[in-house]
Amino acid sequence: MLLAAGLFTFSFASCDTREENRQERIEDKAEDAADDVEDAADEAEDKAEDAVQ
């Protein structure tokens, strides 16, 4: 019985609110944007190195 109560409490407590979900989406988008910027910088660096050679 205690195990079932513990599982119920855990599953209820682990549910995110709309605000938490919204914040996670914002963070994910920011991380994706940072990755895109990093990729673009790497490409620019590669092109600059090729131009120097």
C-alpha atoms as a PDB file:
ATOM      1  CA  MET A   1       0.000   0.000   0.000  1.00  0.00           C
ATOM      2  CA  LEU A   2       2.828   2.418   0.848  1.00  0.00           C
ATOM      3  CA  LEU A   3       4.529   1.622  -2.449  1.00  0.00           C
ATOM      4  CA  ALA A   4       1.381   2.461  -4.402  1.00  0.00           C
ATOM      5  CA  ALA A   5       1.006   5.718  -2.476  1.00  0.00           C
ATOM      6  CA  GLY A   6       4.628   6.566  -3.184  1.00  0.00           C
ATOM      7  CA  LEU A   7       4.236   5.915  -6.893  1.00  0.00           C
ATOM      8  CA  PHE A   8       1.090   8.028  -7.019  1.00  0.00           C
ATOM      9  CA  THR A   9       2.803  10.863  -5.198  1.00  0.00           C
ATOM     10  CA  PHE A  10       5.828  10.663  -7.495  1.00  0.00           C
ATOM     11  CA  SER A  11       3.766  10.648 -10.680  1.00  0.00           C
ATOM     12  CA  PHE A  12       1.629  13.520  -9.449  1.00  0.00           C
ATOM     13  CA  ALA A  13       4.627  15.566  -8.327  1.00  0.00           C
ATOM     14  CA  SER A  14       6.524  14.978 -11.574  1.00  0.00           C
ATOM     15  CA  CYS A  15       3.827  16.580 -13.730  1.00  0.00           C
ATOM     16  CA  ASP A  16       4.972  19.888 -15.125  1.00  0.00           C
ATOM     17  CA  THR A  17       2.795  22.942 -15.116  1.00  0.00           C
ATOM     18  CA  ARG A  18       2.113  24.911 -18.280  1.00  0.00           C
ATOM     19  CA  GLU A  19       4.625  27.528 -17.149  1.00  0.00           C
ATOM     20  CA  GLU A  20       7.321  24.876 -16.613  1.00  0.00           C
ATOM     21  CA  ASN A  21       6.617  23.382 -20.038  1.00  0.00           C
ATOM     22  CA  ARG A  22       6.759  26.837 -21.633  1.00  0.00           C
ATOM     23  CA  GLN A  23      10.057  27.570 -19.916  1.00  0.00           C
ATOM     24  CA  GLU A  24      11.514  24.265 -21.106  1.00  0.00           C
ATOM     25  CA  ARG A  25      10.480  25.032 -24.699  1.00  0.00           C
ATOM     26  CA  ILE A  26      12.124  28.464 -24.464  1.00  0.00           C
ATOM     27  CA  GLU A  27      15.312  26.902 -23.115  1.00  0.00           C
ATOM     28  CA  ASP A  28      15.305  24.281 -25.876  1.00  0.00           C
ATOM     29  CA  LYS A  29      14.901  26.959 -28.543  1.00  0.00           C
ATOM     30  CA  ALA A  30      17.720  29.007 -27.023  1.00  0.00           C
ATOM     31  CA  GLU A  31      20.006  25.961 -27.008  1.00  0.00           C
ATOM     32  CA  ASP A  32      19.115  25.218 -30.633  1.00  0.00           C
ATOM     33  CA  ALA A  33      19.863  28.817 -31.601  1.00  0.00           C
ATOM     34  CA  ALA A  34      23.214  28.664 -29.796  1.00  0.00           C
ATOM     35  CA  ASP A  35      24.058  25.448 -31.633  1.00  0.00           C
ATOM     36  CA  ASP A  36      23.186  27.093 -34.965  1.00  0.00           C
ATOM     37  CA  VAL A  37      25.420  30.064 -34.184  1.00  0.00           C
ATOM     38  CA  GLU A  38      28.264  27.758 -33.198  1.00  0.00           C
ATOM     39  CA  ASP A  39      27.868  25.750 -36.410  1.00  0.00           C
ATOM     40  CA  ALA A  40      27.881  28.932 -38.494  1.00  0.00           C
ATOM     41  CA  ALA A  41      31.019  30.138 -36.725  1.00  0.00           C
ATOM     42  CA  ASP A  42      32.731  26.813 -37.378  1.00  0.00           C
ATOM     43  CA  GLU A  43      31.825  27.022 -41.062  1.00  0.00           C
ATOM     44  CA  ALA A  44      33.125  30.588 -41.302  1.00  0.00           C
ATOM     45  CA  GLU A  45      36.357  29.529 -39.632  1.00  0.00           C
ATOM     46  CA  ASP A  46      36.767  26.624 -42.046  1.00  0.00           C
ATOM     47  CA  LYS A  47      36.180  28.909 -45.033  1.00  0.00           C
ATOM     48  CA  ALA A  48      38.669  31.457 -43.707  1.00  0.00           C
ATOM     49  CA  GLU A  49      41.308  28.759 -43.234  1.00  0.00           C
ATOM     50  CA  ASP A  50      40.698  27.473 -46.768  1.00  0.00           C
ATOM     51  CA  ALA A  51      41.020  30.988 -48.173  1.00  0.00           C
ATOM     52  CA  VAL A  52      44.369  31.510 -46.430  1.00  0.00           C
ATOM     53  CA  GLN A  53      45.810  28.290 -47.818  1.00  0.00           C
END
